[in-house]
Amino acid sequence: MRPALRLEGLELDGGWKVIQQLHRSPTDTGGYFSVAYKAVDKNGKEAFLKALDFSKAFQSPDPARELQAMTEAYNFERDLLNKCKEQRLSKIITPVADGKVVVPGEIGPLGVVMYLIFELAEGNIRQLYKLSRNIDLAWCLRSLHNTAVALKQLHSHGIAHQDLKPSNVLVFKDEIIKETEFKVSDLGSASDKTSPFANDDLQMPGDMGYAPVELFYGYRITNEFYRRYGIDIYHLGSLIFFYFADISATQAIKVKLKGHLGSPLTGNNFINDLPYIRKAFFEAVNDLEQNIRTKAGNLTDEIITIVKELCEPDPGKRGHPRDRNSNPYSLERYISKLDLLTNKAEYMLKK
C-alpha cells in the first residue's frame, strides 16, 4: 500500500481536512514523488495539498539511499519555500502550512506522510491556455510580466529556479482588485546560493524539454552562481514560444536543426556547433513572428526582440545588451517593457 494515496478524510494539524485527491491531467509534468489533494481549513476555504510519496523509493535498486535523497529534497524545498515566505516574495507560491500525518493502519515510519499546503490556484497557464478560448494577448503578456517579477524576486535573494515552464506558472483570481494574478511554483529543481544542494551538481536540473541548449553540452561560460539566472531568463522567453507556437524554444530549435542534417554538427562541442544552433534559432523565431503578428499586430516587433534576447542560444549574449557588462541577466528592463506592452494590449482590447 502507498500511504500517500490514503489521505482522503483525514484531519490534519491546524484544523485542515483532506477532502479529495486531485488527478494529474495528461499535460501535467513532474509530481512523480508526490500526490495532490484538495483540502479545506476550518472555515471551509479550499487549498492545495502536496503529499510526499516516499513509497516510490522502494522501486529503486537502493531504497535506503533513495529514501535519504527524497527526504533531503523535501527538506530543501520546504526550507527554500519558507525563505521565500519570510522574505515576502509575492509572486512565488509559498505554503500556508506544512506538517506530517500518520495514516491509520500503517505501521512504522512509512505510515507517516509529510505534506505542504498551498493556496488553491485556478490552474496553471498550460491547462488554462489549452482549455480556454478567451485567452487574449493582454492575459499572455501579464503572465509574462508577473513571471519576470517572480524571477527577479528569486534572483535578488540568491535563488535560481531552473525549471520554469508553463505548468509551473499558476493562475489566481485576485478578488480585491478583480484581476488575474500569476505566481511561480515548484522550487524542487532550484539552487540557493547560500545553501548548497544536490541540484547544484546536475548538468540539467530541470525539464530537458525546456533546457537551454548549452546544458545538453555541459557548457558553462563561468562557474559563478549567477550563470544559473541565464537558465531562468531563457525559460521566460520560452513561454512566448508556448503561447504563440505551442512549443518550447528548445523544441523549436531542435525541429530546425533536424532540417540541417547536412551541417557538420559535432553534438559534443558547443562552441563548434553554436553557429548552426543560432541559425536554427533565428529560423524558429522567424516562424514565431508570423504567429505573433496575427495576434499582436504592431506590438510584434517588440515581443520578438524580447524573445531574441531572452532565448539567445549563446549564454554570453543572453539578456539585454545594455546590461551585458554590468548585470547580464537583469530582468528590470523586461519587467518594465512587459508592463508597458500589457497596458498597450489592454488598451487595444478596449478600442
Foldseek 3Di string as FASTA:
>chain_A
DFLLVQQAQDADPQQKHFHAWDDDDPPDDDLPQWTWTWMAHNVGAIWIKTKGGLVVLVVDPDSVVSSVQSVVLVVVVLVVLVVCVVVCLPQAWHFPDWDWDARPPDDDPSSIITMTITHDFPAFQVVPLVPDPPDAPLNLLQLLLSLLSSLLSQVVQQKFQQADARRQKTWHQDPVVRDIHIHGYDSSLMQGPVDDDPSLPDLRSYDPQAFQPVSQQSDDPDSDSLLSLLRVLLNSLQSLCCNQPVGGLSVQLVVQVVVPVVDPDPSHDCVVCLVVSQVSSVVSLVVSLVRVCVRLPPCSVVSSVSSCQSNVSPSLRHADPVCSVPRRSDSVVVSVVSVVSSVVRVVVVVD
